[in-house]
Amino acid sequence: MSNLPPDDQDKISGTIEALKNKRFDSIYIKQLKGGIKELRIKKFRLIFFIHEEIVYFVRIFIKKTNKTPRNEIDIAEKHYKLITN
């Protein structure tokens, strides 16, 4: 994230803070599969899940199509299973 322009860093940080404080009205979250979700911030997508009140961010990428790449979901599922089992 440190390689991103400062305005993008600020937007991502602010959105993560809103998620942390459970201010869901100001953010866009898409359910992907099971407990895995996608947080949309401008052109960026953050794949994450929540377990025992902790938010785990797995990946961040620039989404170029409407469909989330299957490999991104697969990676998130592996992390999800490691943490929740």
N, C-alpha and C. Protein backbone atom coordinates (compact mmCIF):
# COMPACT_ATOMS: atom_id res chain seq x y z
N MET A 1 0.83 -1.19 0.00
CA MET A 1 0.00 0.00 0.00
C MET A 1 0.87 1.25 0.00
N SER A 2 2.07 1.14 0.53
CA SER A 2 2.95 2.32 0.61
C SER A 2 3.37 2.83 -0.76
N ASN A 3 3.19 2.03 -1.81
CA ASN A 3 3.55 2.46 -3.16
C ASN A 3 2.44 3.25 -3.84
N LEU A 4 1.29 3.32 -3.21
CA LEU A 4 0.15 4.03 -3.80
C LEU A 4 0.27 5.53 -3.58
N PRO A 5 -0.39 6.32 -4.43
CA PRO A 5 -0.42 7.77 -4.21
C PRO A 5 -1.05 8.11 -2.86
N PRO A 6 -0.62 9.21 -2.24
CA PRO A 6 -1.12 9.57 -0.90
C PRO A 6 -2.65 9.67 -0.80
N ASP A 7 -3.32 10.18 -1.84
CA ASP A 7 -4.78 10.30 -1.77
C ASP A 7 -5.45 8.93 -1.75
N ASP A 8 -4.88 7.96 -2.48
CA ASP A 8 -5.42 6.59 -2.44
C ASP A 8 -5.14 5.95 -1.08
N GLN A 9 -3.97 6.17 -0.53
CA GLN A 9 -3.64 5.65 0.80
C GLN A 9 -4.62 6.20 1.84
N ASP A 10 -4.91 7.49 1.76
CA ASP A 10 -5.84 8.12 2.71
C ASP A 10 -7.24 7.53 2.59
N LYS A 11 -7.70 7.35 1.36
CA LYS A 11 -9.04 6.80 1.13
C LYS A 11 -9.13 5.38 1.67
N ILE A 12 -8.12 4.56 1.42
CA ILE A 12 -8.11 3.18 1.91
C ILE A 12 -8.06 3.17 3.44
N SER A 13 -7.20 3.97 4.02
CA SER A 13 -7.09 4.04 5.49
C SER A 13 -8.41 4.47 6.12
N GLY A 14 -9.05 5.47 5.54
CA GLY A 14 -10.33 5.94 6.06
C GLY A 14 -11.42 4.89 5.97
N THR A 15 -11.44 4.15 4.89
CA THR A 15 -12.44 3.10 4.72
C THR A 15 -12.20 1.95 5.69
N ILE A 16 -10.94 1.59 5.90
CA ILE A 16 -10.60 0.54 6.87
C ILE A 16 -11.01 0.99 8.27
N GLU A 17 -10.80 2.24 8.57
CA GLU A 17 -11.19 2.79 9.88
C GLU A 17 -12.71 2.71 10.05
N ALA A 18 -13.47 3.02 8.99
CA ALA A 18 -14.93 2.92 9.05
C ALA A 18 -15.36 1.48 9.28
N LEU A 19 -14.69 0.54 8.64
CA LEU A 19 -14.99 -0.88 8.84
C LEU A 19 -14.69 -1.28 10.28
N LYS A 20 -13.55 -0.84 10.78
CA LYS A 20 -13.15 -1.15 12.15
C LYS A 20 -14.16 -0.62 13.17
N ASN A 21 -14.70 0.54 12.90
CA ASN A 21 -15.67 1.18 13.80
C ASN A 21 -17.12 0.81 13.48
N LYS A 22 -17.30 -0.16 12.59
CA LYS A 22 -18.62 -0.67 12.21
C LYS A 22 -19.54 0.40 11.65
N ARG A 23 -18.96 1.32 10.88
CA ARG A 23 -19.74 2.35 10.19
C ARG A 23 -19.97 1.86 8.75
N PHE A 24 -20.83 0.87 8.62
CA PHE A 24 -21.04 0.20 7.34
C PHE A 24 -21.81 1.03 6.33
N ASP A 25 -22.45 2.10 6.77
CA ASP A 25 -23.24 2.92 5.86
C ASP A 25 -22.36 3.70 4.88
N SER A 26 -21.09 3.89 5.20
CA SER A 26 -20.21 4.70 4.35
C SER A 26 -19.25 3.86 3.51
N ILE A 27 -19.42 2.52 3.53
CA ILE A 27 -18.51 1.67 2.77
C ILE A 27 -19.30 0.65 1.96
N TYR A 28 -18.65 0.10 0.92
CA TYR A 28 -19.30 -0.89 0.08
C TYR A 28 -18.61 -2.23 0.28
N ILE A 29 -19.37 -3.21 0.79
CA ILE A 29 -18.86 -4.56 1.01
C ILE A 29 -19.69 -5.53 0.19
N LYS A 30 -19.00 -6.42 -0.51
CA LYS A 30 -19.66 -7.45 -1.30
C LYS A 30 -19.32 -8.81 -0.70
N GLN A 31 -20.35 -9.62 -0.46
CA GLN A 31 -20.16 -10.99 0.02
C GLN A 31 -19.65 -11.83 -1.14
N LEU A 32 -18.53 -12.54 -0.95
CA LEU A 32 -17.99 -13.36 -2.03
C LEU A 32 -18.35 -14.83 -1.86
N LYS A 33 -17.86 -15.42 -0.76
CA LYS A 33 -18.11 -16.85 -0.54
C LYS A 33 -17.93 -17.14 0.94
N GLY A 34 -18.95 -17.71 1.56
CA GLY A 34 -18.88 -18.00 2.99
C GLY A 34 -18.63 -16.72 3.76
N GLY A 35 -17.59 -16.71 4.58
CA GLY A 35 -17.25 -15.53 5.36
C GLY A 35 -16.34 -14.56 4.65
N ILE A 36 -16.00 -14.85 3.41
CA ILE A 36 -15.05 -14.01 2.66
C ILE A 36 -15.80 -12.88 1.97
N LYS A 37 -15.27 -11.68 2.13
CA LYS A 37 -15.92 -10.48 1.60
C LYS A 37 -14.92 -9.64 0.79
N GLU A 38 -15.47 -8.72 0.02
CA GLU A 38 -14.65 -7.81 -0.77
C GLU A 38 -15.03 -6.38 -0.40
N LEU A 39 -14.05 -5.60 -0.03
CA LEU A 39 -14.24 -4.19 0.30
C LEU A 39 -13.82 -3.38 -0.91
N ARG A 40 -14.73 -2.55 -1.41
CA ARG A 40 -14.45 -1.77 -2.62
C ARG A 40 -14.11 -0.33 -2.24
N ILE A 41 -12.93 0.10 -2.71
CA ILE A 41 -12.47 1.46 -2.47
C ILE A 41 -11.92 1.99 -3.79
N LYS A 42 -12.69 2.84 -4.42
CA LYS A 42 -12.34 3.35 -5.75
C LYS A 42 -12.06 2.17 -6.66
N LYS A 43 -10.89 2.10 -7.28
CA LYS A 43 -10.57 0.99 -8.19
C LYS A 43 -9.94 -0.20 -7.46
N PHE A 44 -9.74 -0.07 -6.16
CA PHE A 44 -9.08 -1.10 -5.37
C PHE A 44 -10.09 -2.04 -4.73
N ARG A 45 -9.68 -3.28 -4.59
CA ARG A 45 -10.49 -4.28 -3.91
C ARG A 45 -9.64 -4.93 -2.83
N LEU A 46 -10.19 -5.02 -1.63
CA LEU A 46 -9.52 -5.67 -0.52
C LEU A 46 -10.34 -6.89 -0.13
N ILE A 47 -9.73 -8.06 -0.20
CA ILE A 47 -10.38 -9.29 0.18
C ILE A 47 -10.11 -9.49 1.67
N PHE A 48 -11.17 -9.77 2.43
CA PHE A 48 -11.01 -9.91 3.87
C PHE A 48 -12.06 -10.84 4.45
N PHE A 49 -11.86 -11.19 5.71
CA PHE A 49 -12.86 -11.90 6.48
C PHE A 49 -12.72 -11.47 7.93
N ILE A 50 -13.76 -11.70 8.70
CA ILE A 50 -13.77 -11.34 10.12
C ILE A 50 -13.92 -12.63 10.92
N HIS A 51 -13.05 -12.80 11.90
CA HIS A 51 -13.13 -13.96 12.80
C HIS A 51 -12.85 -13.50 14.22
N GLU A 52 -13.80 -13.77 15.10
CA GLU A 52 -13.69 -13.38 16.51
C GLU A 52 -13.34 -11.90 16.67
N GLU A 53 -14.10 -11.06 15.96
CA GLU A 53 -13.98 -9.60 16.05
C GLU A 53 -12.68 -9.04 15.46
N ILE A 54 -11.90 -9.88 14.79
CA ILE A 54 -10.66 -9.43 14.15
C ILE A 54 -10.86 -9.44 12.64
N VAL A 55 -10.49 -8.34 11.98
CA VAL A 55 -10.58 -8.25 10.53
C VAL A 55 -9.24 -8.69 9.95
N TYR A 56 -9.29 -9.69 9.08
CA TYR A 56 -8.09 -10.21 8.41
C TYR A 56 -8.15 -9.80 6.94
N PHE A 57 -7.24 -8.94 6.53
CA PHE A 57 -7.14 -8.56 5.13
C PHE A 57 -6.17 -9.52 4.46
N VAL A 58 -6.64 -10.16 3.39
CA VAL A 58 -5.86 -11.19 2.72
C VAL A 58 -5.13 -10.62 1.51
N ARG A 59 -5.84 -9.86 0.69
CA ARG A 59 -5.26 -9.36 -0.56
C ARG A 59 -5.80 -7.98 -0.88
N ILE A 60 -5.01 -7.23 -1.62
CA ILE A 60 -5.48 -5.97 -2.21
C ILE A 60 -5.05 -6.00 -3.68
N PHE A 61 -5.96 -5.61 -4.55
CA PHE A 61 -5.65 -5.60 -5.98
C PHE A 61 -6.54 -4.59 -6.68
N ILE A 62 -6.19 -4.29 -7.91
CA ILE A 62 -7.01 -3.41 -8.74
C ILE A 62 -7.91 -4.31 -9.56
N LYS A 63 -9.19 -4.12 -9.41
CA LYS A 63 -10.17 -4.95 -10.11
C LYS A 63 -10.44 -4.35 -11.48
N LYS A 64 -10.26 -5.16 -12.52
CA LYS A 64 -10.40 -4.68 -13.88
C LYS A 64 -11.67 -5.17 -14.56
N THR A 65 -12.34 -6.14 -13.94
CA THR A 65 -13.59 -6.66 -14.49
C THR A 65 -14.63 -6.69 -13.38
N ASN A 66 -15.87 -7.01 -13.73
CA ASN A 66 -16.94 -7.08 -12.74
C ASN A 66 -16.82 -8.31 -11.84
N LYS A 67 -16.16 -9.34 -12.33
CA LYS A 67 -16.07 -10.59 -11.58
C LYS A 67 -14.75 -10.66 -10.82
N THR A 68 -14.82 -11.04 -9.55
CA THR A 68 -13.61 -11.20 -8.74
C THR A 68 -12.86 -12.43 -9.23
N PRO A 69 -11.56 -12.30 -9.51
CA PRO A 69 -10.79 -13.45 -10.01
C PRO A 69 -10.86 -14.64 -9.04
N ARG A 70 -11.07 -15.82 -9.60
CA ARG A 70 -11.22 -17.04 -8.80
C ARG A 70 -10.00 -17.29 -7.93
N ASN A 71 -8.79 -17.01 -8.46
CA ASN A 71 -7.58 -17.26 -7.68
C ASN A 71 -7.53 -16.38 -6.43
N GLU A 72 -8.09 -15.18 -6.47
CA GLU A 72 -8.14 -14.31 -5.29
C GLU A 72 -9.04 -14.91 -4.22
N ILE A 73 -10.17 -15.46 -4.63
CA ILE A 73 -11.09 -16.10 -3.69
C ILE A 73 -10.45 -17.36 -3.11
N ASP A 74 -9.77 -18.14 -3.95
CA ASP A 74 -9.10 -19.36 -3.49
C ASP A 74 -8.04 -19.06 -2.43
N ILE A 75 -7.25 -18.03 -2.66
CA ILE A 75 -6.22 -17.64 -1.69
C ILE A 75 -6.87 -17.24 -0.37
N ALA A 76 -7.93 -16.46 -0.45
CA ALA A 76 -8.63 -16.02 0.75
C ALA A 76 -9.23 -17.21 1.50
N GLU A 77 -9.77 -18.18 0.77
CA GLU A 77 -10.34 -19.37 1.41
C GLU A 77 -9.28 -20.15 2.19
N LYS A 78 -8.08 -20.26 1.65
CA LYS A 78 -7.00 -20.97 2.33
C LYS A 78 -6.65 -20.27 3.65
N HIS A 79 -6.55 -18.96 3.62
CA HIS A 79 -6.26 -18.19 4.84
C HIS A 79 -7.41 -18.31 5.84
N TYR A 80 -8.63 -18.24 5.33
CA TYR A 80 -9.82 -18.35 6.17
C TYR A 80 -9.84 -19.69 6.92
N LYS A 81 -9.55 -20.77 6.21
CA LYS A 81 -9.55 -22.10 6.82
C LYS A 81 -8.43 -22.22 7.85
N LEU A 82 -7.27 -21.64 7.58
CA LEU A 82 -6.16 -21.69 8.53
C LEU A 82 -6.50 -20.98 9.84
N ILE A 83 -7.16 -19.85 9.73
CA ILE A 83 -7.48 -19.03 10.91
C ILE A 83 -8.67 -19.60 11.68
N THR A 84 -9.69 -20.06 10.98
CA THR A 84 -10.93 -20.44 11.65
C THR A 84 -10.98 -21.88 12.13
N ASN A 85 -10.04 -22.71 11.71
CA ASN A 85 -10.04 -24.13 12.15
C ASN A 85 -9.07 -24.36 13.28
